[in-house]
Amino acid sequence: MRTKKLIFIIFVFCFFSCQSCEEKENFYKNSKNINSEWMLNDTVKFEFLGNQMRNQYNIFFILRNNNEYPYRNIYLLTKLKTPKGEEKIDTLEYQLAKASGEWLGDGMGAVKQNKLVYKSSIALRDSGDYQIQITHGMRDEKLKGIEGVSLLIDEIKNDK
């Protein structure tokens, strides 16, 4: 009986030790649904808490579009606000379809999901609230075919 308890304790210790070695910090934030009409002046906002970690992060947008989307690409106008009040503004272009018209991304049926790189290997060392604002930069007042935008932040683990 005592041996079984000891084996169980060792197993639990090893299990949690292995889990902690593999953990990465991830953050996923789903936007409000755009419902296939993204207005030109409609800003999608994400807020998240930064910290003083040594690791760096990759930041992605998860963009979902349906067959009503009329273009092969999309322009996104972004603003990253740091806790110190600094602002980093970008105009980004992403391809959503091949020249043949075939949609890129994952998904079956009418909705496709694309994982779009926003920032690679960025440090989020400042403690406090970060904010990312996104608007589309297309000419349409009502951009059809966009279902939603989400934010994914993946920690890059430093292997020592």
N, C-alpha and C. Protein backbone atom coordinates (compact mmCIF):
# COMPACT_ATOMS: atom_id res chain seq x y z
N MET A 1 0.82 -1.20 0.00
CA MET A 1 0.00 0.00 0.00
C MET A 1 0.87 1.26 0.00
N ARG A 2 1.88 1.24 0.81
CA ARG A 2 2.77 2.37 0.90
C ARG A 2 3.54 2.57 -0.41
N THR A 3 3.90 1.49 -1.08
CA THR A 3 4.60 1.55 -2.35
C THR A 3 3.71 2.17 -3.42
N LYS A 4 2.45 1.83 -3.42
CA LYS A 4 1.52 2.40 -4.40
C LYS A 4 1.38 3.90 -4.21
N LYS A 5 1.32 4.33 -2.95
CA LYS A 5 1.23 5.76 -2.67
C LYS A 5 2.46 6.49 -3.16
N LEU A 6 3.62 5.90 -2.90
CA LEU A 6 4.87 6.50 -3.32
C LEU A 6 4.96 6.59 -4.84
N ILE A 7 4.57 5.52 -5.53
CA ILE A 7 4.57 5.52 -6.99
C ILE A 7 3.61 6.58 -7.53
N PHE A 8 2.45 6.68 -6.92
CA PHE A 8 1.47 7.68 -7.33
C PHE A 8 2.02 9.10 -7.15
N ILE A 9 2.64 9.36 -6.02
CA ILE A 9 3.21 10.69 -5.75
C ILE A 9 4.31 11.01 -6.75
N ILE A 10 5.16 10.04 -7.05
CA ILE A 10 6.23 10.25 -8.01
C ILE A 10 5.64 10.52 -9.40
N PHE A 11 4.62 9.75 -9.77
CA PHE A 11 3.96 9.94 -11.06
C PHE A 11 3.38 11.35 -11.18
N VAL A 12 2.66 11.80 -10.16
CA VAL A 12 2.05 13.13 -10.18
C VAL A 12 3.13 14.20 -10.26
N PHE A 13 4.19 14.07 -9.49
CA PHE A 13 5.29 15.02 -9.52
C PHE A 13 5.92 15.09 -10.91
N CYS A 14 6.20 13.93 -11.51
CA CYS A 14 6.79 13.90 -12.85
C CYS A 14 5.86 14.49 -13.89
N PHE A 15 4.57 14.18 -13.78
CA PHE A 15 3.59 14.70 -14.73
C PHE A 15 3.57 16.23 -14.72
N PHE A 16 3.47 16.82 -13.52
CA PHE A 16 3.41 18.27 -13.44
C PHE A 16 4.75 18.92 -13.77
N SER A 17 5.84 18.24 -13.48
CA SER A 17 7.15 18.78 -13.86
C SER A 17 7.28 18.86 -15.37
N CYS A 18 6.85 17.81 -16.06
CA CYS A 18 6.92 17.81 -17.53
C CYS A 18 5.98 18.85 -18.12
N GLN A 19 4.81 19.00 -17.54
CA GLN A 19 3.85 19.98 -18.05
C GLN A 19 4.40 21.39 -17.94
N SER A 20 5.04 21.71 -16.82
CA SER A 20 5.53 23.07 -16.64
C SER A 20 6.67 23.38 -17.59
N CYS A 21 7.42 22.38 -18.02
CA CYS A 21 8.51 22.61 -18.96
C CYS A 21 7.97 22.97 -20.34
N GLU A 22 6.81 22.48 -20.68
CA GLU A 22 6.26 22.67 -22.01
C GLU A 22 5.30 23.84 -22.11
N GLU A 23 4.92 24.44 -20.99
CA GLU A 23 3.91 25.49 -21.03
C GLU A 23 4.43 26.72 -21.74
N LYS A 24 3.55 27.33 -22.54
CA LYS A 24 3.80 28.63 -23.12
C LYS A 24 2.64 29.50 -22.71
N GLU A 25 2.91 30.76 -22.64
CA GLU A 25 1.84 31.68 -22.33
C GLU A 25 1.17 32.07 -23.64
N ASN A 26 -0.12 31.84 -23.73
CA ASN A 26 -0.89 32.20 -24.92
C ASN A 26 -2.04 33.11 -24.50
N PHE A 27 -2.43 33.96 -25.39
CA PHE A 27 -3.56 34.83 -25.16
C PHE A 27 -4.39 34.82 -26.43
N TYR A 28 -5.68 34.56 -26.27
CA TYR A 28 -6.58 34.56 -27.42
C TYR A 28 -7.77 35.42 -27.06
N LYS A 29 -8.09 36.36 -27.92
CA LYS A 29 -9.23 37.23 -27.68
C LYS A 29 -10.08 37.28 -28.94
N ASN A 30 -11.32 36.89 -28.80
CA ASN A 30 -12.26 36.89 -29.92
C ASN A 30 -12.91 38.27 -30.00
N SER A 31 -13.07 38.76 -31.21
CA SER A 31 -13.72 40.06 -31.39
C SER A 31 -15.23 39.89 -31.38
N LYS A 32 -15.89 41.01 -31.36
CA LYS A 32 -17.33 40.95 -31.61
C LYS A 32 -17.52 40.49 -33.05
N ASN A 33 -18.61 39.84 -33.32
CA ASN A 33 -18.87 39.41 -34.70
C ASN A 33 -19.09 40.63 -35.58
N ILE A 34 -18.47 40.59 -36.73
CA ILE A 34 -18.65 41.67 -37.70
C ILE A 34 -19.87 41.38 -38.57
N ASN A 35 -20.27 40.11 -38.63
CA ASN A 35 -21.49 39.70 -39.33
C ASN A 35 -21.52 40.09 -40.80
N SER A 36 -20.40 39.90 -41.48
CA SER A 36 -20.31 40.03 -42.92
C SER A 36 -20.44 41.46 -43.44
N GLU A 37 -20.38 42.46 -42.57
CA GLU A 37 -20.37 43.86 -43.00
C GLU A 37 -19.50 44.65 -42.05
N TRP A 38 -18.26 44.92 -42.47
CA TRP A 38 -17.34 45.69 -41.64
C TRP A 38 -17.36 47.13 -42.14
N MET A 39 -17.93 48.00 -41.34
CA MET A 39 -18.04 49.41 -41.71
C MET A 39 -16.65 50.06 -41.67
N LEU A 40 -16.43 51.00 -42.55
CA LEU A 40 -15.13 51.67 -42.68
C LEU A 40 -14.69 52.33 -41.37
N ASN A 41 -15.63 52.90 -40.64
CA ASN A 41 -15.28 53.59 -39.39
C ASN A 41 -15.42 52.69 -38.15
N ASP A 42 -15.66 51.39 -38.33
CA ASP A 42 -15.82 50.46 -37.21
C ASP A 42 -14.44 49.91 -36.82
N THR A 43 -13.96 50.30 -35.64
CA THR A 43 -12.66 49.89 -35.15
C THR A 43 -12.80 48.68 -34.23
N VAL A 44 -12.04 47.64 -34.52
CA VAL A 44 -11.98 46.47 -33.66
C VAL A 44 -10.85 46.72 -32.66
N LYS A 45 -11.15 46.61 -31.36
CA LYS A 45 -10.16 46.90 -30.33
C LYS A 45 -9.91 45.67 -29.47
N PHE A 46 -8.64 45.47 -29.15
CA PHE A 46 -8.24 44.41 -28.24
C PHE A 46 -7.38 45.04 -27.15
N GLU A 47 -7.62 44.64 -25.91
CA GLU A 47 -6.79 45.08 -24.81
C GLU A 47 -6.25 43.86 -24.09
N PHE A 48 -4.99 43.96 -23.66
CA PHE A 48 -4.38 42.87 -22.91
C PHE A 48 -3.34 43.44 -21.98
N LEU A 49 -3.04 42.70 -20.95
CA LEU A 49 -2.10 43.14 -19.92
C LEU A 49 -0.71 42.67 -20.28
N GLY A 50 0.22 43.60 -20.36
CA GLY A 50 1.62 43.27 -20.58
C GLY A 50 2.29 42.96 -19.26
N ASN A 51 3.46 42.42 -19.34
CA ASN A 51 4.21 42.12 -18.13
C ASN A 51 5.69 42.31 -18.40
N GLN A 52 6.48 42.06 -17.43
CA GLN A 52 7.91 42.27 -17.58
C GLN A 52 8.64 40.94 -17.78
N MET A 53 8.12 40.13 -18.65
CA MET A 53 8.75 38.85 -18.93
C MET A 53 9.91 39.05 -19.90
N ARG A 54 10.82 38.15 -19.86
CA ARG A 54 11.99 38.24 -20.73
C ARG A 54 11.72 37.67 -22.11
N ASN A 55 10.71 36.87 -22.22
CA ASN A 55 10.44 36.24 -23.51
C ASN A 55 9.84 37.23 -24.49
N GLN A 56 9.85 36.80 -25.73
CA GLN A 56 9.23 37.58 -26.78
C GLN A 56 7.99 36.86 -27.26
N TYR A 57 7.19 37.57 -28.07
CA TYR A 57 5.90 37.06 -28.49
C TYR A 57 5.71 37.24 -29.98
N ASN A 58 4.90 36.38 -30.55
CA ASN A 58 4.39 36.55 -31.91
C ASN A 58 2.92 36.93 -31.76
N ILE A 59 2.51 37.94 -32.49
CA ILE A 59 1.11 38.39 -32.44
C ILE A 59 0.49 38.16 -33.80
N PHE A 60 -0.69 37.54 -33.79
CA PHE A 60 -1.40 37.20 -35.02
C PHE A 60 -2.81 37.76 -34.97
N PHE A 61 -3.34 38.05 -36.14
CA PHE A 61 -4.77 38.29 -36.30
C PHE A 61 -5.36 37.03 -36.91
N ILE A 62 -6.49 36.60 -36.41
CA ILE A 62 -7.24 35.51 -37.01
C ILE A 62 -8.43 36.16 -37.72
N LEU A 63 -8.39 36.13 -39.04
CA LEU A 63 -9.42 36.79 -39.85
C LEU A 63 -10.30 35.73 -40.49
N ARG A 64 -11.61 35.87 -40.31
CA ARG A 64 -12.57 34.94 -40.91
C ARG A 64 -13.36 35.67 -41.99
N ASN A 65 -13.34 35.09 -43.20
CA ASN A 65 -14.11 35.67 -44.30
C ASN A 65 -14.98 34.60 -44.94
N ASN A 66 -16.03 35.06 -45.63
CA ASN A 66 -16.91 34.12 -46.34
C ASN A 66 -16.84 34.41 -47.83
N ASN A 67 -17.64 33.70 -48.61
CA ASN A 67 -17.60 33.80 -50.07
C ASN A 67 -18.09 35.14 -50.61
N GLU A 68 -18.71 35.96 -49.76
CA GLU A 68 -19.17 37.28 -50.20
C GLU A 68 -18.01 38.29 -50.28
N TYR A 69 -16.86 37.94 -49.71
CA TYR A 69 -15.74 38.89 -49.73
C TYR A 69 -15.29 39.08 -51.18
N PRO A 70 -15.28 40.32 -51.69
CA PRO A 70 -15.09 40.54 -53.13
C PRO A 70 -13.63 40.64 -53.61
N TYR A 71 -12.66 40.58 -52.71
CA TYR A 71 -11.27 40.83 -53.11
C TYR A 71 -10.36 39.65 -52.78
N ARG A 72 -9.15 39.69 -53.38
CA ARG A 72 -8.13 38.67 -53.08
C ARG A 72 -7.28 39.07 -51.89
N ASN A 73 -7.28 40.35 -51.53
CA ASN A 73 -6.43 40.84 -50.45
C ASN A 73 -7.25 41.71 -49.51
N ILE A 74 -6.60 42.11 -48.42
CA ILE A 74 -7.22 43.06 -47.50
C ILE A 74 -6.12 43.94 -46.91
N TYR A 75 -6.43 45.20 -46.75
CA TYR A 75 -5.55 46.13 -46.06
C TYR A 75 -6.10 46.36 -44.67
N LEU A 76 -5.23 46.25 -43.67
CA LEU A 76 -5.61 46.52 -42.29
C LEU A 76 -4.77 47.69 -41.78
N LEU A 77 -5.43 48.64 -41.16
CA LEU A 77 -4.77 49.77 -40.53
C LEU A 77 -4.75 49.49 -39.03
N THR A 78 -3.54 49.43 -38.46
CA THR A 78 -3.42 49.02 -37.06
C THR A 78 -2.71 50.09 -36.25
N LYS A 79 -3.07 50.10 -34.97
CA LYS A 79 -2.39 50.98 -34.01
C LYS A 79 -2.17 50.18 -32.73
N LEU A 80 -0.91 50.08 -32.32
CA LEU A 80 -0.54 49.42 -31.08
C LEU A 80 -0.18 50.49 -30.07
N LYS A 81 -0.92 50.56 -28.96
CA LYS A 81 -0.64 51.52 -27.89
C LYS A 81 -0.02 50.77 -26.72
N THR A 82 1.12 51.25 -26.25
CA THR A 82 1.81 50.62 -25.13
C THR A 82 1.36 51.27 -23.82
N PRO A 83 1.67 50.63 -22.69
CA PRO A 83 1.32 51.25 -21.40
C PRO A 83 1.99 52.61 -21.17
N LYS A 84 3.11 52.85 -21.84
CA LYS A 84 3.82 54.13 -21.71
C LYS A 84 3.22 55.21 -22.61
N GLY A 85 2.20 54.87 -23.39
CA GLY A 85 1.56 55.84 -24.26
C GLY A 85 2.15 55.91 -25.66
N GLU A 86 3.14 55.09 -25.94
CA GLU A 86 3.71 55.06 -27.30
C GLU A 86 2.71 54.43 -28.25
N GLU A 87 2.70 54.92 -29.49
CA GLU A 87 1.81 54.37 -30.51
C GLU A 87 2.62 53.93 -31.72
N LYS A 88 2.34 52.72 -32.19
CA LYS A 88 2.99 52.20 -33.39
C LYS A 88 1.89 51.94 -34.41
N ILE A 89 1.94 52.67 -35.52
CA ILE A 89 0.89 52.59 -36.53
C ILE A 89 1.44 51.86 -37.76
N ASP A 90 0.64 50.93 -38.28
CA ASP A 90 1.04 50.16 -39.46
C ASP A 90 -0.12 50.07 -40.45
N THR A 91 0.23 50.02 -41.72
CA THR A 91 -0.70 49.66 -42.78
C THR A 91 -0.21 48.33 -43.34
N LEU A 92 -1.05 47.31 -43.24
CA LEU A 92 -0.64 45.95 -43.60
C LEU A 92 -1.53 45.41 -44.71
N GLU A 93 -0.92 44.66 -45.62
CA GLU A 93 -1.69 44.00 -46.68
C GLU A 93 -1.52 42.50 -46.53
N TYR A 94 -2.64 41.78 -46.61
CA TYR A 94 -2.64 40.32 -46.52
C TYR A 94 -3.37 39.74 -47.72
N GLN A 95 -2.86 38.64 -48.23
CA GLN A 95 -3.52 37.92 -49.32
C GLN A 95 -4.52 36.93 -48.72
N LEU A 96 -5.74 36.92 -49.24
CA LEU A 96 -6.78 36.01 -48.77
C LEU A 96 -7.16 34.98 -49.82
N ALA A 97 -6.73 35.19 -51.07
CA ALA A 97 -7.07 34.26 -52.15
C ALA A 97 -5.93 34.20 -53.15
N LYS A 98 -5.87 33.08 -53.85
CA LYS A 98 -4.89 32.93 -54.93
C LYS A 98 -5.39 33.70 -56.15
N ALA A 99 -4.52 33.86 -57.17
CA ALA A 99 -4.90 34.55 -58.40
C ALA A 99 -6.07 33.84 -59.08
N SER A 100 -6.18 32.52 -58.88
CA SER A 100 -7.27 31.75 -59.47
C SER A 100 -8.61 31.99 -58.77
N GLY A 101 -8.57 32.67 -57.63
CA GLY A 101 -9.80 32.91 -56.88
C GLY A 101 -10.01 31.93 -55.74
N GLU A 102 -9.16 30.93 -55.64
CA GLU A 102 -9.28 29.94 -54.55
C GLU A 102 -8.87 30.59 -53.23
N TRP A 103 -9.73 30.44 -52.22
CA TRP A 103 -9.46 31.05 -50.93
C TRP A 103 -8.28 30.39 -50.25
N LEU A 104 -7.48 31.19 -49.58
CA LEU A 104 -6.42 30.69 -48.72
C LEU A 104 -7.02 30.50 -47.32
N GLY A 105 -6.30 29.84 -46.45
CA GLY A 105 -6.77 29.68 -45.08
C GLY A 105 -7.39 28.32 -44.85
N ASP A 106 -7.83 28.14 -43.63
CA ASP A 106 -8.42 26.87 -43.20
C ASP A 106 -9.93 26.99 -43.10
N GLY A 107 -10.56 25.86 -43.20
CA GLY A 107 -12.00 25.81 -43.02
C GLY A 107 -12.69 25.14 -44.19
N MET A 108 -13.80 24.52 -43.86
CA MET A 108 -14.61 23.88 -44.89
C MET A 108 -15.87 24.71 -45.08
N GLY A 109 -16.38 24.69 -46.26
CA GLY A 109 -17.59 25.44 -46.53
C GLY A 109 -17.29 26.88 -46.89
N ALA A 110 -18.23 27.74 -46.56
CA ALA A 110 -18.17 29.13 -47.02
C ALA A 110 -17.22 30.00 -46.20
N VAL A 111 -16.89 29.63 -44.97
CA VAL A 111 -16.06 30.48 -44.12
C VAL A 111 -14.64 29.96 -44.05
N LYS A 112 -13.69 30.85 -44.34
CA LYS A 112 -12.27 30.52 -44.26
C LYS A 112 -11.64 31.34 -43.14
N GLN A 113 -10.64 30.76 -42.52
CA GLN A 113 -9.95 31.42 -41.41
C GLN A 113 -8.47 31.52 -41.75
N ASN A 114 -7.92 32.72 -41.67
CA ASN A 114 -6.51 32.96 -41.96
C ASN A 114 -5.80 33.46 -40.70
N LYS A 115 -4.62 32.90 -40.45
CA LYS A 115 -3.77 33.33 -39.34
C LYS A 115 -2.74 34.29 -39.93
N LEU A 116 -2.89 35.57 -39.65
CA LEU A 116 -2.09 36.63 -40.25
C LEU A 116 -1.07 37.16 -39.25
N VAL A 117 0.18 37.17 -39.61
CA VAL A 117 1.24 37.65 -38.72
C VAL A 117 1.13 39.17 -38.61
N TYR A 118 1.03 39.65 -37.40
CA TYR A 118 1.02 41.10 -37.14
C TYR A 118 2.40 41.55 -36.67
N LYS A 119 2.91 40.96 -35.61
CA LYS A 119 4.25 41.28 -35.09
C LYS A 119 4.96 39.99 -34.76
N SER A 120 6.24 39.91 -35.13
CA SER A 120 7.06 38.74 -34.82
C SER A 120 8.13 39.12 -33.81
N SER A 121 8.33 38.25 -32.86
CA SER A 121 9.40 38.42 -31.86
C SER A 121 9.38 39.80 -31.21
N ILE A 122 8.23 40.18 -30.70
CA ILE A 122 8.08 41.48 -30.04
C ILE A 122 8.13 41.28 -28.53
N ALA A 123 8.82 42.17 -27.85
CA ALA A 123 8.88 42.14 -26.39
C ALA A 123 7.73 42.97 -25.83
N LEU A 124 7.06 42.44 -24.83
CA LEU A 124 5.96 43.15 -24.16
C LEU A 124 6.36 43.35 -22.71
N ARG A 125 7.43 44.06 -22.50
CA ARG A 125 8.05 44.15 -21.17
C ARG A 125 7.38 45.17 -20.25
N ASP A 126 6.68 46.12 -20.82
CA ASP A 126 6.07 47.15 -19.98
C ASP A 126 4.85 46.60 -19.26
N SER A 127 4.77 46.82 -17.97
CA SER A 127 3.60 46.41 -17.21
C SER A 127 2.47 47.39 -17.48
N GLY A 128 1.29 46.86 -17.65
CA GLY A 128 0.13 47.71 -17.89
C GLY A 128 -0.66 47.24 -19.08
N ASP A 129 -1.61 48.08 -19.47
CA ASP A 129 -2.53 47.73 -20.55
C ASP A 129 -1.97 48.11 -21.92
N TYR A 130 -1.95 47.13 -22.80
CA TYR A 130 -1.66 47.35 -24.21
C TYR A 130 -2.99 47.37 -24.94
N GLN A 131 -3.05 48.09 -26.05
CA GLN A 131 -4.26 48.11 -26.86
C GLN A 131 -3.88 48.03 -28.34
N ILE A 132 -4.60 47.19 -29.05
CA ILE A 132 -4.45 47.10 -30.51
C ILE A 132 -5.78 47.50 -31.12
N GLN A 133 -5.73 48.44 -32.06
CA GLN A 133 -6.92 48.88 -32.79
C GLN A 133 -6.74 48.51 -34.26
N ILE A 134 -7.81 48.00 -34.87
CA ILE A 134 -7.76 47.59 -36.26
C ILE A 134 -8.98 48.15 -36.99
N THR A 135 -8.73 48.76 -38.15
CA THR A 135 -9.79 49.11 -39.08
C THR A 135 -9.38 48.58 -40.44
N HIS A 136 -10.34 48.36 -41.30
CA HIS A 136 -9.96 47.92 -42.65
C HIS A 136 -9.59 49.14 -43.47
N GLY A 137 -8.72 48.93 -44.44
CA GLY A 137 -8.26 50.02 -45.28
C GLY A 137 -8.71 49.87 -46.71
N MET A 138 -9.84 49.20 -46.91
CA MET A 138 -10.38 49.04 -48.25
C MET A 138 -11.25 50.26 -48.57
N ARG A 139 -11.60 50.44 -49.82
CA ARG A 139 -12.35 51.63 -50.22
C ARG A 139 -13.85 51.53 -49.93
N ASP A 140 -14.32 50.35 -49.61
CA ASP A 140 -15.75 50.14 -49.39
C ASP A 140 -16.19 50.72 -48.05
N GLU A 141 -17.28 51.44 -48.06
CA GLU A 141 -17.87 51.93 -46.81
C GLU A 141 -18.37 50.75 -45.98
N LYS A 142 -19.01 49.78 -46.67
CA LYS A 142 -19.46 48.53 -46.03
C LYS A 142 -18.70 47.39 -46.70
N LEU A 143 -17.70 46.87 -46.01
CA LEU A 143 -16.90 45.78 -46.56
C LEU A 143 -17.62 44.47 -46.27
N LYS A 144 -18.12 43.84 -47.31
CA LYS A 144 -18.87 42.59 -47.17
C LYS A 144 -17.94 41.39 -47.07
N GLY A 145 -18.41 40.36 -46.39
CA GLY A 145 -17.72 39.08 -46.38
C GLY A 145 -16.76 38.84 -45.23
N ILE A 146 -16.55 39.79 -44.35
CA ILE A 146 -15.70 39.58 -43.18
C ILE A 146 -16.59 39.19 -42.01
N GLU A 147 -16.32 38.03 -41.46
CA GLU A 147 -17.12 37.51 -40.34
C GLU A 147 -16.60 37.97 -38.99
N GLY A 148 -15.27 38.06 -38.86
CA GLY A 148 -14.72 38.45 -37.56
C GLY A 148 -13.20 38.50 -37.59
N VAL A 149 -12.67 39.17 -36.57
CA VAL A 149 -11.22 39.27 -36.38
C VAL A 149 -10.95 38.91 -34.92
N SER A 150 -9.94 38.08 -34.70
CA SER A 150 -9.53 37.72 -33.34
C SER A 150 -8.05 38.02 -33.20
N LEU A 151 -7.59 38.01 -31.97
CA LEU A 151 -6.19 38.28 -31.66
C LEU A 151 -5.61 37.06 -30.98
N LEU A 152 -4.42 36.64 -31.43
CA LEU A 152 -3.71 35.52 -30.82
C LEU A 152 -2.30 35.98 -30.51
N ILE A 153 -1.88 35.82 -29.26
CA ILE A 153 -0.52 36.15 -28.85
C ILE A 153 0.13 34.88 -28.33
N ASP A 154 1.23 34.47 -28.97
CA ASP A 154 1.98 33.26 -28.59
C ASP A 154 3.31 33.66 -28.02
N GLU A 155 3.62 33.12 -26.86
CA GLU A 155 4.92 33.34 -26.25
C GLU A 155 5.96 32.49 -26.96
N ILE A 156 7.11 33.08 -27.24
CA ILE A 156 8.24 32.33 -27.81
C ILE A 156 9.09 31.88 -26.64
N LYS A 157 9.18 30.59 -26.44
CA LYS A 157 9.96 30.07 -25.33
C LYS A 157 11.44 30.13 -25.65
N ASN A 158 12.22 30.62 -24.70
CA ASN A 158 13.67 30.63 -24.83
C ASN A 158 14.19 29.31 -24.29
N ASP A 159 14.77 28.50 -25.15
CA ASP A 159 15.34 27.23 -24.71
C ASP A 159 16.74 27.50 -24.18
N LYS A 160 16.93 27.14 -22.94
CA LYS A 160 18.24 27.37 -22.32
C LYS A 160 18.96 26.06 -22.15
